[in-house]
């Protein structure tokens, strides 16, 4: 199924203010929405790491769990 025909699910994320500003600037330069840009980044990340387990991250996800 083509990506444009897939049903999208709304998700809420929290990003750093500087990252949010940068995402908006890149999206404007590319003449796409910030949502499209973020979806594309997620797709590229999953294509690269989706079936290979967890990539090496600067901050491990387990370290961010609230107790």
PDB file of N, CA and C in Angstrom:
ATOM      1  N   UNK A   1       0.838  -1.175   0.000  1.00  0.00           N
ATOM      2  CA  UNK A   1       0.000   0.000   0.000  1.00  0.00           C
ATOM      3  C   UNK A   1       0.884   1.240   0.000  1.00  0.00           C
ATOM      4  N   UNK A   2       0.555   2.196  -0.792  1.00  0.00           N
ATOM      5  CA  UNK A   2       1.336   3.426  -0.867  1.00  0.00           C
ATOM      6  C   UNK A   2       1.239   4.197   0.440  1.00  0.00           C
ATOM      7  N   UNK A   3       2.310   4.872   0.796  1.00  0.00           N
ATOM      8  CA  UNK A   3       2.357   5.613   2.057  1.00  0.00           C
ATOM      9  C   UNK A   3       1.224   6.628   2.159  1.00  0.00           C
ATOM     10  N   UNK A   4       0.852   7.253   1.045  1.00  0.00           N
ATOM     11  CA  UNK A   4      -0.184   8.269   1.080  1.00  0.00           C
ATOM     12  C   UNK A   4      -1.567   7.677   1.341  1.00  0.00           C
ATOM     13  N   UNK A   5      -1.739   6.368   1.169  1.00  0.00           N
ATOM     14  CA  UNK A   5      -3.029   5.732   1.391  1.00  0.00           C
ATOM     15  C   UNK A   5      -3.112   5.062   2.754  1.00  0.00           C
ATOM     16  N   UNK A   6      -2.023   5.046   3.516  1.00  0.00           N
ATOM     17  CA  UNK A   6      -2.048   4.463   4.842  1.00  0.00           C
ATOM     18  C   UNK A   6      -2.800   5.379   5.794  1.00  0.00           C
ATOM     19  N   UNK A   7      -3.499   4.751   6.717  1.00  0.00           N
ATOM     20  CA  UNK A   7      -4.183   5.540   7.735  1.00  0.00           C
ATOM     21  C   UNK A   7      -3.152   5.998   8.762  1.00  0.00           C
ATOM     22  N   UNK A   8      -3.159   7.262   9.061  1.00  0.00           N
ATOM     23  CA  UNK A   8      -2.204   7.827  10.005  1.00  0.00           C
ATOM     24  C   UNK A   8      -2.828   7.884  11.392  1.00  0.00           C
ATOM     25  N   UNK A   9      -1.991   7.731  12.401  1.00  0.00           N
ATOM     26  CA  UNK A   9      -2.417   7.825  13.792  1.00  0.00           C
ATOM     27  C   UNK A   9      -1.723   9.033  14.402  1.00  0.00           C
ATOM     28  N   UNK A  10      -2.481   9.856  15.087  1.00  0.00           N
ATOM     29  CA  UNK A  10      -1.928  11.055  15.710  1.00  0.00           C
ATOM     30  C   UNK A  10      -1.157  10.667  16.969  1.00  0.00           C
ATOM     31  N   UNK A  11       0.047  11.210  17.101  1.00  0.00           N
ATOM     32  CA  UNK A  11       0.881  10.974  18.276  1.00  0.00           C
ATOM     33  C   UNK A  11       1.384  12.320  18.786  1.00  0.00           C
ATOM     34  N   UNK A  12       1.577  12.417  20.061  1.00  0.00           N
ATOM     35  CA  UNK A  12       2.107  13.633  20.660  1.00  0.00           C
ATOM     36  C   UNK A  12       3.525  13.358  21.135  1.00  0.00           C
ATOM     37  N   UNK A  13       4.450  14.245  20.784  1.00  0.00           N
ATOM     38  CA  UNK A  13       5.841  14.106  21.220  1.00  0.00           C
ATOM     39  C   UNK A  13       6.280  15.395  21.885  1.00  0.00           C
ATOM     40  N   UNK A  14       7.305  15.298  22.689  1.00  0.00           N
ATOM     41  CA  UNK A  14       7.896  16.464  23.318  1.00  0.00           C
ATOM     42  C   UNK A  14       9.326  16.590  22.808  1.00  0.00           C
ATOM     43  N   UNK A  15       9.655  17.765  22.299  1.00  0.00           N
ATOM     44  CA  UNK A  15      11.007  17.996  21.785  1.00  0.00           C
ATOM     45  C   UNK A  15      11.564  19.276  22.400  1.00  0.00           C
ATOM     46  N   UNK A  16      12.857  19.368  22.388  1.00  0.00           N
ATOM     47  CA  UNK A  16      13.557  20.563  22.848  1.00  0.00           C
ATOM     48  C   UNK A  16      13.134  21.755  21.988  1.00  0.00           C
ATOM     49  N   UNK A  17      13.063  22.930  22.580  1.00  0.00           N
ATOM     50  CA  UNK A  17      12.640  24.137  21.859  1.00  0.00           C
ATOM     51  C   UNK A  17      13.519  24.394  20.633  1.00  0.00           C
ATOM     52  N   UNK A  18      14.835  24.240  20.780  1.00  0.00           N
ATOM     53  CA  UNK A  18      15.741  24.464  19.650  1.00  0.00           C
ATOM     54  C   UNK A  18      15.503  23.451  18.530  1.00  0.00           C
ATOM     55  N   UNK A  19      15.240  22.199  18.906  1.00  0.00           N
ATOM     56  CA  UNK A  19      14.942  21.176  17.892  1.00  0.00           C
ATOM     57  C   UNK A  19      13.642  21.506  17.173  1.00  0.00           C
ATOM     58  N   UNK A  20      12.644  21.950  17.913  1.00  0.00           N
ATOM     59  CA  UNK A  20      11.359  22.313  17.320  1.00  0.00           C
ATOM     60  C   UNK A  20      11.532  23.441  16.300  1.00  0.00           C
ATOM     61  N   UNK A  21      12.324  24.434  16.672  1.00  0.00           N
ATOM     62  CA  UNK A  21      12.598  25.552  15.769  1.00  0.00           C
ATOM     63  C   UNK A  21      13.332  25.073  14.525  1.00  0.00           C
ATOM     64  N   UNK A  22      14.318  24.187  14.712  1.00  0.00           N
ATOM     65  CA  UNK A  22      15.090  23.664  13.577  1.00  0.00           C
ATOM     66  C   UNK A  22      14.210  22.829  12.657  1.00  0.00           C
ATOM     67  N   UNK A  23      13.336  22.013  13.231  1.00  0.00           N
ATOM     68  CA  UNK A  23      12.415  21.198  12.422  1.00  0.00           C
ATOM     69  C   UNK A  23      11.543  22.110  11.572  1.00  0.00           C
ATOM     70  N   UNK A  24      11.014  23.151  12.164  1.00  0.00           N
ATOM     71  CA  UNK A  24      10.182  24.094  11.421  1.00  0.00           C
ATOM     72  C   UNK A  24      10.935  24.776  10.291  1.00  0.00           C
ATOM     73  N   UNK A  25      12.186  25.150  10.549  1.00  0.00           N
ATOM     74  CA  UNK A  25      12.993  25.815   9.522  1.00  0.00           C
ATOM     75  C   UNK A  25      13.297  24.877   8.357  1.00  0.00           C
ATOM     76  N   UNK A  26      13.662  23.634   8.679  1.00  0.00           N
ATOM     77  CA  UNK A  26      13.959  22.656   7.620  1.00  0.00           C
ATOM     78  C   UNK A  26      12.694  22.366   6.813  1.00  0.00           C
ATOM     79  N   UNK A  27      11.583  22.178   7.497  1.00  0.00           N
ATOM     80  CA  UNK A  27      10.320  21.897   6.812  1.00  0.00           C
ATOM     81  C   UNK A  27       9.945  23.043   5.873  1.00  0.00           C
ATOM     82  N   UNK A  28      10.101  24.274   6.344  1.00  0.00           N
ATOM     83  CA  UNK A  28       9.783  25.429   5.509  1.00  0.00           C
ATOM     84  C   UNK A  28      10.682  25.476   4.279  1.00  0.00           C
ATOM     85  N   UNK A  29      11.976  25.224   4.491  1.00  0.00           N
ATOM     86  CA  UNK A  29      12.935  25.239   3.374  1.00  0.00           C
ATOM     87  C   UNK A  29      12.608  24.167   2.343  1.00  0.00           C
ATOM     88  N   UNK A  30      12.141  23.005   2.834  1.00  0.00           N
ATOM     89  CA  UNK A  30      11.812  21.885   1.938  1.00  0.00           C
ATOM     90  C   UNK A  30      10.382  21.977   1.398  1.00  0.00           C
ATOM     91  N   UNK A  31       9.634  22.975   1.888  1.00  0.00           N
ATOM     92  CA  UNK A  31       8.231  23.181   1.500  1.00  0.00           C
ATOM     93  C   UNK A  31       7.370  21.965   1.817  1.00  0.00           C
ATOM     94  N   UNK A  32       7.541  21.441   3.038  1.00  0.00           N
ATOM     95  CA  UNK A  32       6.723  20.347   3.560  1.00  0.00           C
ATOM     96  C   UNK A  32       6.301  20.736   4.977  1.00  0.00           C
ATOM     97  N   UNK A  33       5.371  19.979   5.530  1.00  0.00           N
ATOM     98  CA  UNK A  33       4.955  20.249   6.909  1.00  0.00           C
ATOM     99  C   UNK A  33       5.956  19.643   7.887  1.00  0.00           C
ATOM    100  N   UNK A  34       5.953  20.176   9.091  1.00  0.00           N
ATOM    101  CA  UNK A  34       6.786  19.593  10.139  1.00  0.00           C
ATOM    102  C   UNK A  34       6.378  18.145  10.398  1.00  0.00           C
ATOM    103  N   UNK A  35       5.085  17.864  10.345  1.00  0.00           N
ATOM    104  CA  UNK A  35       4.605  16.494  10.548  1.00  0.00           C
ATOM    105  C   UNK A  35       5.178  15.547   9.498  1.00  0.00           C
ATOM    106  N   UNK A  36       5.180  15.982   8.243  1.00  0.00           N
ATOM    107  CA  UNK A  36       5.728  15.137   7.177  1.00  0.00           C
ATOM    108  C   UNK A  36       7.210  14.874   7.436  1.00  0.00           C
ATOM    109  N   UNK A  37       7.930  15.915   7.804  1.00  0.00           N
ATOM    110  CA  UNK A  37       9.366  15.784   8.053  1.00  0.00           C
ATOM    111  C   UNK A  37       9.642  14.794   9.188  1.00  0.00           C
ATOM    112  N   UNK A  38       8.877  14.884  10.264  1.00  0.00           N
ATOM    113  CA  UNK A  38       9.057  13.970  11.389  1.00  0.00           C
ATOM    114  C   UNK A  38       8.689  12.547  10.994  1.00  0.00           C
ATOM    115  N   UNK A  39       7.589  12.364  10.238  1.00  0.00           N
ATOM    116  CA  UNK A  39       7.218  11.010   9.764  1.00  0.00           C
ATOM    117  C   UNK A  39       8.322  10.421   8.906  1.00  0.00           C
ATOM    118  N   UNK A  40       8.903  11.236   8.040  1.00  0.00           N
ATOM    119  CA  UNK A  40       9.989  10.767   7.177  1.00  0.00           C
ATOM    120  C   UNK A  40      11.194  10.345   8.011  1.00  0.00           C
ATOM    121  N   UNK A  41      11.531  11.135   9.021  1.00  0.00           N
ATOM    122  CA  UNK A  41      12.662  10.803   9.892  1.00  0.00           C
ATOM    123  C   UNK A  41      12.414   9.491  10.638  1.00  0.00           C
ATOM    124  N   UNK A  42      11.182   9.301  11.106  1.00  0.00           N
ATOM    125  CA  UNK A  42      10.842   8.051  11.798  1.00  0.00           C
ATOM    126  C   UNK A  42      10.955   6.873  10.841  1.00  0.00           C
ATOM    127  N   UNK A  43      10.441   7.017   9.613  1.00  0.00           N
ATOM    128  CA  UNK A  43      10.543   5.940   8.619  1.00  0.00           C
ATOM    129  C   UNK A  43      11.994   5.579   8.341  1.00  0.00           C
ATOM    130  N   UNK A  44      12.847   6.598   8.159  1.00  0.00           N
ATOM    131  CA  UNK A  44      14.261   6.341   7.895  1.00  0.00           C
ATOM    132  C   UNK A  44      14.930   5.643   9.079  1.00  0.00           C
ATOM    133  N   UNK A  45      14.594   6.055  10.298  1.00  0.00           N
ATOM    134  CA  UNK A  45      15.141   5.417  11.492  1.00  0.00           C
ATOM    135  C   UNK A  45      14.718   3.950  11.554  1.00  0.00           C
ATOM    136  N   UNK A  46      13.423   3.682  11.309  1.00  0.00           N
ATOM    137  CA  UNK A  46      12.928   2.307  11.354  1.00  0.00           C
ATOM    138  C   UNK A  46      13.503   1.465  10.226  1.00  0.00           C
ATOM    139  N   UNK A  47      13.679   2.044   9.056  1.00  0.00           N
ATOM    140  CA  UNK A  47      14.319   1.314   7.950  1.00  0.00           C
ATOM    141  C   UNK A  47      15.734   0.901   8.332  1.00  0.00           C
ATOM    142  N   UNK A  48      16.423   1.763   9.047  1.00  0.00           N
ATOM    143  CA  UNK A  48      17.809   1.496   9.409  1.00  0.00           C
ATOM    144  C   UNK A  48      17.925   0.560  10.609  1.00  0.00           C
ATOM    145  N   UNK A  49      17.065   0.728  11.624  1.00  0.00           N
ATOM    146  CA  UNK A  49      17.220  -0.002  12.880  1.00  0.00           C
ATOM    147  C   UNK A  49      16.045  -0.918  13.241  1.00  0.00           C
ATOM    148  N   UNK A  50      14.958  -0.863  12.498  1.00  0.00           N
ATOM    149  CA  UNK A  50      13.734  -1.557  12.879  1.00  0.00           C
ATOM    150  C   UNK A  50      13.876  -3.031  13.194  1.00  0.00           C
ATOM    151  N   UNK A  51      14.657  -3.763  12.429  1.00  0.00           N
ATOM    152  CA  UNK A  51      14.786  -5.207  12.665  1.00  0.00           C
ATOM    153  C   UNK A  51      16.152  -5.586  13.224  1.00  0.00           C
ATOM    154  N   UNK A  52      16.920  -4.601  13.665  1.00  0.00           N
ATOM    155  CA  UNK A  52      18.267  -4.873  14.158  1.00  0.00           C
ATOM    156  C   UNK A  52      18.403  -4.618  15.655  1.00  0.00           C
ATOM    157  N   UNK A  53      17.294  -4.501  16.365  1.00  0.00           N
ATOM    158  CA  UNK A  53      17.372  -4.227  17.786  1.00  0.00           C
ATOM    159  C   UNK A  53      17.600  -2.757  18.048  1.00  0.00           C
ATOM    160  N   UNK A  54      18.052  -2.457  19.246  1.00  0.00           N
ATOM    161  CA  UNK A  54      18.229  -1.064  19.658  1.00  0.00           C
ATOM    162  C   UNK A  54      19.572  -0.526  19.177  1.00  0.00           C
ATOM    163  N   UNK A  55      19.565   0.625  18.515  1.00  0.00           N
ATOM    164  CA  UNK A  55      20.831   1.237  18.095  1.00  0.00           C
ATOM    165  C   UNK A  55      21.583   1.770  19.312  1.00  0.00           C
ATOM    166  N   UNK A  56      22.835   2.029  19.131  1.00  0.00           N
ATOM    167  CA  UNK A  56      23.624   2.639  20.209  1.00  0.00           C
ATOM    168  C   UNK A  56      23.211   4.102  20.309  1.00  0.00           C
ATOM    169  N   UNK A  57      22.659   4.473  21.436  1.00  0.00           N
ATOM    170  CA  UNK A  57      22.190   5.835  21.651  1.00  0.00           C
ATOM    171  C   UNK A  57      23.063   6.529  22.681  1.00  0.00           C
ATOM    172  N   UNK A  58      23.166   7.828  22.570  1.00  0.00           N
ATOM    173  CA  UNK A  58      23.944   8.593  23.541  1.00  0.00           C
ATOM    174  C   UNK A  58      23.312   8.487  24.931  1.00  0.00           C
ATOM    175  N   UNK A  59      21.996   8.381  24.983  1.00  0.00           N
ATOM    176  CA  UNK A  59      21.272   8.267  26.234  1.00  0.00           C
ATOM    177  C   UNK A  59      20.426   7.005  26.162  1.00  0.00           C
ATOM    178  N   UNK A  60      20.716   6.043  26.993  1.00  0.00           N
ATOM    179  CA  UNK A  60      19.982   4.774  26.984  1.00  0.00           C
ATOM    180  C   UNK A  60      18.551   5.009  27.444  1.00  0.00           C
ATOM    181  N   UNK A  61      17.579   4.373  26.816  1.00  0.00           N
ATOM    182  CA  UNK A  61      16.175   4.552  27.159  1.00  0.00           C
ATOM    183  C   UNK A  61      15.881   4.130  28.589  1.00  0.00           C
ATOM    184  N   UNK A  62      16.531   3.080  29.079  1.00  0.00           N
ATOM    185  CA  UNK A  62      16.284   2.596  30.435  1.00  0.00           C
ATOM    186  C   UNK A  62      16.652   3.645  31.477  1.00  0.00           C
ATOM    187  N   UNK A  63      17.571   4.520  31.170  1.00  0.00           N
ATOM    188  CA  UNK A  63      18.001   5.545  32.114  1.00  0.00           C
ATOM    189  C   UNK A  63      16.950   6.636  32.302  1.00  0.00           C
ATOM    190  N   UNK A  64      15.978   6.730  31.401  1.00  0.00           N
ATOM    191  CA  UNK A  64      14.977   7.777  31.460  1.00  0.00           C
ATOM    192  C   UNK A  64      13.680   7.327  32.145  1.00  0.00           C
ATOM    193  N   UNK A  65      13.585   6.065  32.564  1.00  0.00           N
ATOM    194  CA  UNK A  65      12.360   5.582  33.199  1.00  0.00           C
ATOM    195  C   UNK A  65      12.137   6.279  34.522  1.00  0.00           C
ATOM    196  N   UNK A  66      10.892   6.609  34.764  1.00  0.00           N
ATOM    197  CA  UNK A  66      10.534   7.207  36.052  1.00  0.00           C
ATOM    198  C   UNK A  66      10.209   6.089  37.022  1.00  0.00           C
ATOM    199  N   UNK A  67      10.587   6.253  38.243  1.00  0.00           N
ATOM    200  CA  UNK A  67      10.302   5.246  39.264  1.00  0.00           C
ATOM    201  C   UNK A  67       9.255   5.713  40.229  1.00  0.00           C
TER     202      UNK A  67
END
